[in-house]
Amino acid sequence: MPDAARFPRSSPYWPVLSHPQLRRVLPGLAVSALGDGMAVVAVTWLAIQLAPHGQRGIWIALAMAAYTLPSAAGTVVFGRLLRGRGGAQLAGWDAILRASALAAIPLAHVAGVLTIWLYVVLLAASALLHSWGSAGRFTLIAELLPQRHHLPANAVLSTIGGFAIIVGPPLAGILISWAGPVWVIALDAATFAALALTYRLALPANGGPARSERDASRTAGFAVIRQNPALLGLLVLSLGFFFLFGPVYVAMPIHITDDLHASATLLGAYYTAFGIGGLAGGLVAGYLRRWPLRATTIGIVVAFGVAMLPLGLGAPVGVSLPAFALAGLIWAPYMSTSMALFQRSTSTDQLPAVLAANGAILVLAVPLGTILGGPLVGAVGPRPTLLLCAVAIVTLGLVTGGFALSRRSARTPGDPAGTEVSARRRSGRRPAPAGPAPSPPAP
């Protein structure tokens, strides 16, 4: 009873949800995430309607790529302009661009000038600042909260995204059947406009970057990662992890149809199970703050690969389906823990550029892995492909863990309590209070 009486103030999420500034932003983030969840379906459906009948597959792929991949180019092109900006400013500009470019799609539709070419161009324009926007959100957490609350705050963002992925697509299906995909995209644009307004009204304005930041190289974030062995190792781990999961998107549907002789309903059940597991994993992530973050991050990779083994080994659905849900649960905290490592080992001045560089590289990982999945499935079959991916992910985690142990004499970003202090001194900023009921500091 005493523990129940203390909840929710005893929860690691309380300082995040009760923070006077973050609690004003979180509803806007949730609404925008839901809009993005709906856009996953709407973007492809509108591409189907606009593309020539014999070229639908190509244009669907181009539309989905345009909605994400240009962010990698935007990281470099706008690096000098955006380096050193505050988290809210970066996230706000990304929301403004997304709202404007996506709103142009229904406007062009109403004007009768929307073609498949224009559609892909507008999707690409909407994604140009996406890496900077994501970096801005995690930088905002580092600016507003002390180190011990970074992981729960990251987990809140991941959980919002996970919930939107579960709820958004079926909601989009209902709305598309009622009004059409172009108006779902219009709704997505409206959610980004609401988010941009939230950033503008809920958070104080931040000054522009210092002259030294304005004169910095466009690739300064990449340089910081390259010069920091811990960050470089984390980037390589994430790149390998996401790349090796890419072929699963190709192998899973073919495994369901060819090996199991089942319908799309079973495929949907697997993805739903993964999503539900991911939502639960996102909620659990905040409670991992006392664990050693680097070891936890590496352990997630190993455990995820192990959870994927039943699929590759041809286990019955009664075993592989719960295992896939477990894989989702294990997968979910990875982004939260890896972002916490970046936040703890980088100054707040450098953090936006570093996270944008990290995002620009990682956004390519899954698509490249998916491209590899095509010829791999053709060469060895869907189930062996799933097994190869699982074994490769386990091997990646074990090799990374062995390398980390060999460098044990050097301090890791997630372990020392003084990392945040040194980062703050380099940046010259002081962390804001965490809220009315801070949790005890992590050891």
Protein backbone atom coordinates (compact mmCIF):
# COMPACT_ATOMS: atom_id res chain seq x y z
CA MET A 1 0.00 0.00 0.00
CA PRO A 2 2.72 2.55 0.79
CA ASP A 3 4.26 1.97 -2.66
CA ALA A 4 0.84 2.35 -4.29
CA ALA A 5 0.27 5.57 -2.37
CA ARG A 6 3.58 6.98 -3.62
CA PHE A 7 2.80 6.19 -7.25
CA PRO A 8 2.97 8.03 -9.64
CA ARG A 9 5.45 10.34 -7.91
CA SER A 10 7.81 7.42 -7.32
CA SER A 11 7.80 6.60 -11.04
CA PRO A 12 10.91 7.57 -13.04
CA TYR A 13 8.53 9.22 -15.50
CA TRP A 14 7.04 11.66 -12.99
CA PRO A 15 9.84 14.28 -13.25
CA VAL A 16 9.41 14.19 -17.03
CA LEU A 17 5.61 14.37 -17.18
CA SER A 18 5.43 17.01 -14.45
CA HIS A 19 8.19 19.25 -15.82
CA PRO A 20 6.63 22.71 -16.32
CA GLN A 21 7.87 23.06 -19.90
CA LEU A 22 7.94 19.48 -21.16
CA ARG A 23 4.37 18.81 -20.08
CA ARG A 24 3.27 21.58 -22.46
CA VAL A 25 5.16 20.06 -25.37
CA LEU A 26 4.31 16.37 -24.92
CA PRO A 27 0.66 16.66 -26.10
CA GLY A 28 1.85 18.29 -29.33
CA LEU A 29 4.43 15.54 -29.80
CA ALA A 30 1.77 12.88 -29.25
CA VAL A 31 -0.61 14.42 -31.79
CA SER A 32 2.18 14.81 -34.35
CA ALA A 33 3.34 11.22 -33.81
CA LEU A 34 -0.21 10.01 -34.42
CA GLY A 35 -0.27 11.99 -37.66
CA ASP A 36 2.98 10.35 -38.72
CA GLY A 37 1.58 6.95 -37.82
CA MET A 38 -1.35 7.58 -40.15
CA ALA A 39 0.99 8.87 -42.86
CA VAL A 40 2.72 5.47 -43.06
CA VAL A 41 -0.42 4.16 -44.78
CA ALA A 42 -1.54 7.36 -46.51
CA VAL A 43 1.79 8.02 -48.25
CA THR A 44 1.81 4.61 -49.92
CA TRP A 45 -1.92 4.66 -50.73
CA LEU A 46 -1.75 8.02 -52.46
CA ALA A 47 1.28 6.83 -54.42
CA ILE A 48 -0.82 3.88 -55.63
CA GLN A 49 -3.53 6.26 -56.81
CA LEU A 50 -1.16 8.66 -58.58
CA ALA A 51 1.32 6.24 -60.17
CA PRO A 52 0.88 4.67 -63.62
CA HIS A 53 -0.61 1.21 -63.21
CA GLY A 54 2.45 -0.69 -64.41
CA GLN A 55 4.88 1.31 -62.27
CA ARG A 56 3.18 1.29 -58.89
CA GLY A 57 5.87 -0.72 -57.13
CA ILE A 58 8.62 1.65 -58.19
CA TRP A 59 6.71 4.78 -57.19
CA ILE A 60 5.65 3.36 -53.83
CA ALA A 61 9.30 2.67 -53.05
CA LEU A 62 10.29 6.16 -54.21
CA ALA A 63 7.55 7.79 -52.13
CA MET A 64 8.54 5.94 -48.97
CA ALA A 65 12.22 6.71 -49.57
CA ALA A 66 11.42 10.38 -50.21
CA TYR A 67 9.58 10.59 -46.88
CA THR A 68 12.74 9.65 -44.93
CA LEU A 69 16.04 9.57 -46.82
CA PRO A 70 16.46 13.29 -47.74
CA SER A 71 17.09 13.96 -44.05
CA ALA A 72 20.58 12.54 -44.57
CA ALA A 73 21.32 15.20 -47.18
CA GLY A 74 19.73 17.88 -45.01
CA THR A 75 22.16 17.10 -42.21
CA VAL A 76 25.09 18.12 -44.41
CA VAL A 77 23.46 20.86 -46.49
CA PHE A 78 22.12 22.77 -43.48
CA GLY A 79 24.90 21.83 -41.07
CA ARG A 80 26.55 25.26 -40.96
CA LEU A 81 23.24 27.08 -40.57
CA LEU A 82 21.76 24.85 -37.86
CA ARG A 83 24.79 23.81 -35.80
CA GLY A 84 24.60 25.33 -32.31
CA ARG A 85 20.87 26.07 -32.39
CA GLY A 86 18.71 25.16 -29.42
CA GLY A 87 16.69 21.96 -29.32
CA ALA A 88 13.28 23.67 -29.46
CA GLN A 89 14.35 25.82 -32.41
CA LEU A 90 15.56 22.83 -34.43
CA ALA A 91 12.49 20.76 -33.67
CA GLY A 92 10.23 23.73 -34.42
CA TRP A 93 11.81 24.43 -37.81
CA ASP A 94 11.47 20.77 -38.77
CA ALA A 95 7.78 20.88 -37.80
CA ILE A 96 7.23 24.07 -39.83
CA LEU A 97 8.87 22.58 -42.94
CA ARG A 98 6.93 19.33 -42.59
CA ALA A 99 3.64 21.15 -42.13
CA SER A 100 4.28 23.42 -45.14
CA ALA A 101 5.47 20.74 -47.57
CA LEU A 102 2.78 18.23 -46.61
CA ALA A 103 0.05 20.89 -46.76
CA ALA A 104 1.12 21.64 -50.33
CA ILE A 105 0.04 18.11 -51.33
CA PRO A 106 -3.72 18.54 -50.71
CA LEU A 107 -3.51 22.10 -52.07
CA ALA A 108 -2.01 20.77 -55.30
CA HIS A 109 -4.70 18.08 -55.36
CA VAL A 110 -7.47 20.67 -55.04
CA ALA A 111 -5.83 22.75 -57.78
CA GLY A 112 -5.71 19.70 -60.04
CA VAL A 113 -1.93 19.81 -60.52
CA LEU A 114 -0.81 16.96 -58.25
CA THR A 115 1.23 14.43 -60.22
CA ILE A 116 3.30 11.54 -58.94
CA TRP A 117 6.48 13.53 -59.64
CA LEU A 118 5.32 16.57 -57.69
CA TYR A 119 4.11 14.30 -54.91
CA VAL A 120 7.53 12.69 -54.44
CA VAL A 121 9.28 16.08 -54.59
CA LEU A 122 7.02 17.49 -51.85
CA LEU A 123 7.57 14.41 -49.68
CA ALA A 124 11.32 14.82 -50.11
CA ALA A 125 11.12 18.51 -49.17
CA SER A 126 9.17 17.64 -46.03
CA ALA A 127 11.96 15.33 -44.84
CA LEU A 128 14.95 17.63 -45.32
CA LEU A 129 15.16 18.72 -41.67
CA HIS A 130 13.96 15.49 -40.11
CA SER A 131 17.37 14.49 -38.68
CA TRP A 132 17.75 17.98 -37.20
CA GLY A 133 14.23 17.83 -35.78
CA SER A 134 14.88 14.50 -34.10
CA ALA A 135 18.19 15.80 -32.79
CA GLY A 136 16.37 18.87 -31.48
CA ARG A 137 13.92 16.80 -29.45
CA PHE A 138 16.63 14.82 -27.70
CA THR A 139 18.74 17.97 -27.26
CA LEU A 140 15.75 19.64 -25.61
CA ILE A 141 15.70 16.84 -23.06
CA ALA A 142 19.39 17.36 -22.32
CA GLU A 143 18.81 21.11 -21.98
CA LEU A 144 15.85 20.89 -19.62
CA LEU A 145 16.55 17.81 -17.50
CA PRO A 146 19.50 16.59 -15.43
CA GLN A 147 21.30 13.45 -16.51
CA ARG A 148 19.43 11.02 -14.27
CA HIS A 149 16.15 11.83 -16.06
CA HIS A 150 17.44 11.56 -19.64
CA LEU A 151 16.63 7.87 -20.05
CA PRO A 152 13.01 8.12 -18.79
CA ALA A 153 12.46 11.19 -20.97
CA ASN A 154 13.86 9.40 -24.02
CA ALA A 155 11.58 6.48 -23.19
CA VAL A 156 8.56 8.80 -23.13
CA LEU A 157 9.36 9.94 -26.68
CA SER A 158 9.87 6.34 -27.83
CA THR A 159 6.63 5.21 -26.19
CA ILE A 160 4.69 8.01 -27.87
CA GLY A 161 6.10 6.90 -31.22
CA GLY A 162 5.37 3.23 -30.51
CA PHE A 163 1.78 3.94 -29.55
CA ALA A 164 1.31 5.99 -32.73
CA ILE A 165 2.63 3.13 -34.88
CA ILE A 166 0.02 0.81 -33.36
CA VAL A 167 -2.95 3.20 -33.48
CA GLY A 168 -2.08 5.33 -36.53
CA PRO A 169 -2.26 2.79 -39.40
CA PRO A 170 -5.71 1.35 -38.57
CA LEU A 171 -7.03 4.86 -37.96
CA ALA A 172 -5.61 5.90 -41.33
CA GLY A 173 -7.37 2.97 -42.96
CA ILE A 174 -10.71 4.17 -41.61
CA LEU A 175 -10.10 7.77 -42.66
CA ILE A 176 -8.84 6.78 -46.12
CA SER A 177 -11.97 4.76 -46.78
CA TRP A 178 -14.04 7.76 -45.74
CA ALA A 179 -12.18 10.74 -47.24
CA GLY A 180 -9.18 9.47 -49.22
CA PRO A 181 -5.41 9.42 -48.54
CA VAL A 182 -4.77 13.02 -49.59
CA TRP A 183 -6.86 14.29 -46.69
CA VAL A 184 -5.07 12.03 -44.22
CA ILE A 185 -1.85 13.71 -45.37
CA ALA A 186 -3.57 17.06 -44.86
CA LEU A 187 -4.37 15.98 -41.32
CA ASP A 188 -0.73 14.98 -40.82
CA ALA A 189 0.29 18.47 -41.96
CA ALA A 190 -2.12 19.99 -39.45
CA THR A 191 -0.56 17.95 -36.62
CA PHE A 192 2.89 19.27 -37.53
CA ALA A 193 1.53 22.82 -37.62
CA ALA A 194 0.12 22.30 -34.13
CA LEU A 195 3.48 20.96 -32.97
CA ALA A 196 5.33 23.96 -34.42
CA LEU A 197 2.94 26.29 -32.62
CA THR A 198 3.49 24.34 -29.40
CA TYR A 199 7.26 24.79 -29.62
CA ARG A 200 6.79 28.50 -30.29
CA LEU A 201 4.41 29.17 -27.40
CA ALA A 202 5.46 26.65 -24.76
CA LEU A 203 9.22 27.14 -24.76
CA PRO A 204 11.35 30.28 -24.44
CA ALA A 205 13.02 31.63 -27.53
CA ASN A 206 16.64 30.64 -27.93
CA GLY A 207 19.31 32.88 -29.38
CA GLY A 208 21.22 32.04 -32.51
CA PRO A 209 24.50 30.20 -32.49
CA ALA A 210 27.76 31.82 -31.54
CA ARG A 211 30.02 33.00 -34.34
CA SER A 212 32.31 30.01 -33.82
CA GLU A 213 29.28 27.74 -34.38
CA ARG A 214 28.19 29.65 -37.50
CA ASP A 215 31.66 29.28 -38.99
CA ALA A 216 31.89 25.57 -38.19
CA SER A 217 32.06 22.93 -40.90
CA ARG A 218 28.85 21.47 -42.29
CA THR A 219 30.15 18.07 -41.21
CA ALA A 220 31.19 19.09 -37.69
CA GLY A 221 28.85 16.53 -36.10
CA PHE A 222 30.48 13.71 -38.06
CA ALA A 223 33.90 14.98 -36.96
CA VAL A 224 32.92 14.88 -33.28
CA ILE A 225 31.75 11.28 -33.63
CA ARG A 226 34.86 10.27 -35.55
CA GLN A 227 37.14 11.71 -32.86
CA ASN A 228 35.29 10.05 -29.96
CA PRO A 229 35.88 6.26 -29.91
CA ALA A 230 32.88 5.66 -27.62
CA LEU A 231 30.46 7.53 -29.90
CA LEU A 232 31.97 5.99 -33.02
CA GLY A 233 31.56 2.52 -31.53
CA LEU A 234 27.95 3.26 -30.61
CA LEU A 235 27.21 4.49 -34.14
CA VAL A 236 28.78 1.38 -35.67
CA LEU A 237 26.75 -0.85 -33.33
CA SER A 238 23.49 0.94 -34.22
CA LEU A 239 24.31 0.92 -37.93
CA GLY A 240 24.99 -2.81 -37.89
CA PHE A 241 21.93 -3.55 -35.74
CA PHE A 242 19.50 -1.68 -37.97
CA PHE A 243 21.13 -2.87 -41.20
CA LEU A 244 20.91 -6.52 -40.16
CA PHE A 245 17.23 -6.11 -39.31
CA GLY A 246 16.48 -4.69 -42.77
CA PRO A 247 16.24 -8.06 -44.58
CA VAL A 248 13.55 -9.14 -42.11
CA TYR A 249 11.09 -6.80 -43.86
CA VAL A 250 11.59 -8.77 -47.07
CA ALA A 251 11.88 -12.25 -45.59
CA MET A 252 8.91 -12.12 -43.22
CA PRO A 253 6.08 -11.78 -45.80
CA ILE A 254 7.61 -14.48 -48.03
CA HIS A 255 8.17 -16.76 -45.03
CA ILE A 256 4.49 -16.38 -44.11
CA THR A 257 3.21 -17.12 -47.62
CA ASP A 258 5.73 -19.70 -48.90
CA ASP A 259 6.91 -21.54 -45.78
CA LEU A 260 3.83 -21.31 -43.55
CA HIS A 261 1.26 -21.13 -46.40
CA ALA A 262 -0.66 -18.52 -44.41
CA SER A 263 -2.37 -15.24 -45.29
CA ALA A 264 -1.62 -11.60 -44.64
CA THR A 265 -3.65 -11.92 -41.44
CA LEU A 266 -0.84 -13.90 -39.82
CA LEU A 267 1.73 -11.36 -41.01
CA GLY A 268 -0.37 -8.63 -39.42
CA ALA A 269 -0.51 -10.67 -36.21
CA TYR A 270 3.29 -10.85 -36.10
CA TYR A 271 3.67 -7.11 -36.62
CA THR A 272 0.95 -6.37 -34.08
CA ALA A 273 2.68 -8.61 -31.55
CA PHE A 274 5.96 -6.84 -32.22
CA GLY A 275 4.28 -3.45 -31.80
CA ILE A 276 2.61 -4.40 -28.53
CA GLY A 277 5.89 -5.76 -27.24
CA GLY A 278 7.58 -2.53 -28.33
CA LEU A 279 5.03 -0.43 -26.47
CA ALA A 280 5.62 -2.45 -23.30
CA GLY A 281 9.38 -2.21 -23.79
CA GLY A 282 9.16 1.55 -24.15
CA LEU A 283 7.39 1.78 -20.80
CA VAL A 284 9.99 -0.47 -19.16
CA ALA A 285 12.93 1.55 -20.52
CA GLY A 286 12.63 4.31 -17.94
CA TYR A 287 13.24 1.81 -15.15
CA LEU A 288 16.64 0.85 -16.60
CA ARG A 289 18.28 4.12 -15.53
CA ARG A 290 20.26 2.43 -12.73
CA TRP A 291 21.69 -0.16 -15.11
CA PRO A 292 25.06 0.48 -16.79
CA LEU A 293 23.88 2.01 -20.05
CA ARG A 294 26.63 0.82 -22.37
CA ALA A 295 26.37 -2.79 -21.20
CA THR A 296 22.57 -2.58 -21.37
CA THR A 297 22.66 -1.23 -24.93
CA ILE A 298 24.97 -4.02 -26.08
CA GLY A 299 22.89 -6.59 -24.19
CA ILE A 300 19.76 -5.43 -26.00
CA VAL A 301 21.38 -6.29 -29.33
CA VAL A 302 22.37 -9.79 -28.18
CA ALA A 303 18.99 -10.51 -26.57
CA PHE A 304 17.10 -9.25 -29.63
CA GLY A 305 19.03 -11.61 -31.89
CA VAL A 306 18.30 -14.51 -29.55
CA ALA A 307 14.57 -13.65 -29.55
CA MET A 308 14.61 -13.74 -33.37
CA LEU A 309 16.08 -17.26 -33.52
CA PRO A 310 12.74 -19.15 -33.27
CA LEU A 311 11.60 -17.55 -36.53
CA GLY A 312 14.76 -18.57 -38.33
CA LEU A 313 14.74 -22.07 -36.86
CA GLY A 314 11.22 -22.74 -38.11
CA ALA A 315 9.56 -22.95 -34.70
CA PRO A 316 5.75 -23.31 -34.64
CA VAL A 317 3.68 -20.14 -34.70
CA GLY A 318 2.74 -20.73 -31.07
CA VAL A 319 6.43 -20.27 -30.20
CA SER A 320 7.68 -17.83 -32.84
CA LEU A 321 4.80 -15.35 -32.40
CA PRO A 322 5.42 -14.78 -28.65
CA ALA A 323 9.16 -14.71 -29.40
CA PHE A 324 8.60 -11.95 -31.96
CA ALA A 325 6.60 -10.01 -29.36
CA LEU A 326 9.52 -10.49 -26.96
CA ALA A 327 11.85 -9.18 -29.67
CA GLY A 328 9.71 -6.03 -29.86
CA LEU A 329 9.90 -5.62 -26.10
CA ILE A 330 13.69 -5.96 -26.20
CA TRP A 331 14.06 -3.67 -29.23
CA ALA A 332 12.10 -0.75 -27.78
CA PRO A 333 14.56 0.51 -25.13
CA TYR A 334 17.48 0.58 -27.57
CA MET A 335 16.85 4.07 -28.90
CA SER A 336 16.33 5.42 -25.38
CA THR A 337 19.55 3.96 -24.01
CA SER A 338 21.66 4.86 -27.05
CA MET A 339 20.36 8.45 -27.03
CA ALA A 340 21.12 8.68 -23.30
CA LEU A 341 24.71 7.68 -24.05
CA PHE A 342 24.98 10.47 -26.62
CA GLN A 343 23.40 12.96 -24.20
CA ARG A 344 25.83 12.01 -21.43
CA SER A 345 28.98 12.12 -23.51
CA THR A 346 28.41 15.25 -25.63
CA SER A 347 28.10 18.90 -24.66
CA THR A 348 24.72 20.52 -25.24
CA ASP A 349 26.32 22.86 -27.80
CA GLN A 350 27.62 19.94 -29.86
CA LEU A 351 24.70 17.58 -29.24
CA PRO A 352 22.35 18.75 -32.07
CA ALA A 353 25.02 18.37 -34.75
CA VAL A 354 26.18 15.03 -33.33
CA LEU A 355 22.67 13.59 -33.12
CA ALA A 356 21.81 14.89 -36.59
CA ALA A 357 24.93 13.21 -37.98
CA ASN A 358 24.05 10.01 -36.16
CA GLY A 359 20.49 10.15 -37.53
CA ALA A 360 21.68 10.90 -41.07
CA ILE A 361 23.70 7.69 -41.12
CA LEU A 362 21.17 5.49 -39.34
CA VAL A 363 18.30 6.55 -41.60
CA LEU A 364 20.13 4.72 -44.39
CA ALA A 365 20.71 1.51 -42.45
CA VAL A 366 17.31 -0.20 -42.62
CA PRO A 367 16.65 0.71 -46.30
CA LEU A 368 20.08 -0.64 -47.28
CA GLY A 369 19.43 -3.80 -45.31
CA THR A 370 16.03 -4.14 -46.96
CA ILE A 371 17.65 -3.80 -50.39
CA LEU A 372 20.07 -6.58 -49.43
CA GLY A 373 17.11 -8.70 -48.34
CA GLY A 374 15.83 -9.11 -51.89
CA PRO A 375 18.79 -10.98 -53.39
CA LEU A 376 19.49 -12.73 -50.07
CA VAL A 377 15.99 -14.22 -49.91
CA GLY A 378 16.28 -15.17 -53.57
CA ALA A 379 19.58 -16.94 -52.94
CA VAL A 380 18.94 -18.84 -49.69
CA GLY A 381 15.20 -18.55 -49.03
CA PRO A 382 13.16 -16.61 -46.46
CA ARG A 383 13.63 -18.78 -43.36
CA PRO A 384 17.43 -19.10 -43.74
CA THR A 385 17.53 -15.32 -44.24
CA LEU A 386 15.73 -14.82 -40.93
CA LEU A 387 18.16 -17.23 -39.27
CA LEU A 388 21.19 -15.48 -40.78
CA CYS A 389 19.92 -12.10 -39.55
CA ALA A 390 19.34 -13.42 -36.03
CA VAL A 391 22.77 -15.07 -35.82
CA ALA A 392 24.48 -12.01 -37.30
CA ILE A 393 22.79 -9.70 -34.77
CA VAL A 394 23.85 -11.95 -31.86
CA THR A 395 27.40 -12.04 -33.26
CA LEU A 396 27.45 -8.25 -33.64
CA GLY A 397 26.45 -7.80 -30.00
CA LEU A 398 28.96 -10.35 -28.71
CA VAL A 399 31.82 -8.87 -30.74
CA THR A 400 30.93 -5.37 -29.55
CA GLY A 401 30.75 -6.61 -25.96
CA GLY A 402 34.14 -8.27 -26.26
CA PHE A 403 35.64 -5.11 -27.71
CA ALA A 404 34.12 -3.04 -24.89
CA LEU A 405 35.59 -5.39 -22.28
CA SER A 406 39.01 -5.09 -23.91
CA ARG A 407 38.79 -1.31 -23.46
CA ARG A 408 37.51 -1.56 -19.90
CA SER A 409 40.36 0.53 -18.56
CA ALA A 410 38.94 3.53 -20.47
CA ARG A 411 35.79 5.13 -19.03
CA THR A 412 32.54 4.62 -20.95
CA PRO A 413 30.07 7.50 -21.48
CA GLY A 414 27.25 5.85 -19.55
CA ASP A 415 29.17 4.96 -16.38
CA PRO A 416 30.89 7.93 -14.75
CA ALA A 417 28.77 10.34 -12.83
CA GLY A 418 31.04 13.16 -13.83
CA THR A 419 30.43 12.88 -17.56
CA GLU A 420 27.47 15.23 -17.53
CA VAL A 421 29.37 17.74 -15.41
CA SER A 422 32.27 17.87 -17.83
CA ALA A 423 29.90 18.17 -20.76
CA ARG A 424 28.04 21.05 -19.13
CA ARG A 425 31.30 22.81 -18.36
CA ARG A 426 32.33 22.54 -21.98
CA SER A 427 29.01 23.95 -23.09
CA GLY A 428 28.84 26.63 -20.41
CA ARG A 429 25.19 25.76 -19.64
CA ARG A 430 23.54 24.66 -16.44
CA PRO A 431 20.77 22.07 -16.45
CA ALA A 432 17.31 23.31 -15.58
CA PRO A 433 15.45 21.91 -12.58
CA ALA A 434 13.83 18.60 -13.34
CA GLY A 435 10.43 19.36 -11.85
CA PRO A 436 8.69 19.35 -8.53
CA ALA A 437 9.45 15.77 -7.52
CA PRO A 438 12.89 14.63 -8.73
CA SER A 439 13.82 11.01 -8.31
CA PRO A 440 16.97 10.02 -6.39
CA PRO A 441 20.11 10.19 -8.52
CA ALA A 442 21.33 7.07 -10.21
CA PRO A 443 24.49 5.58 -8.75
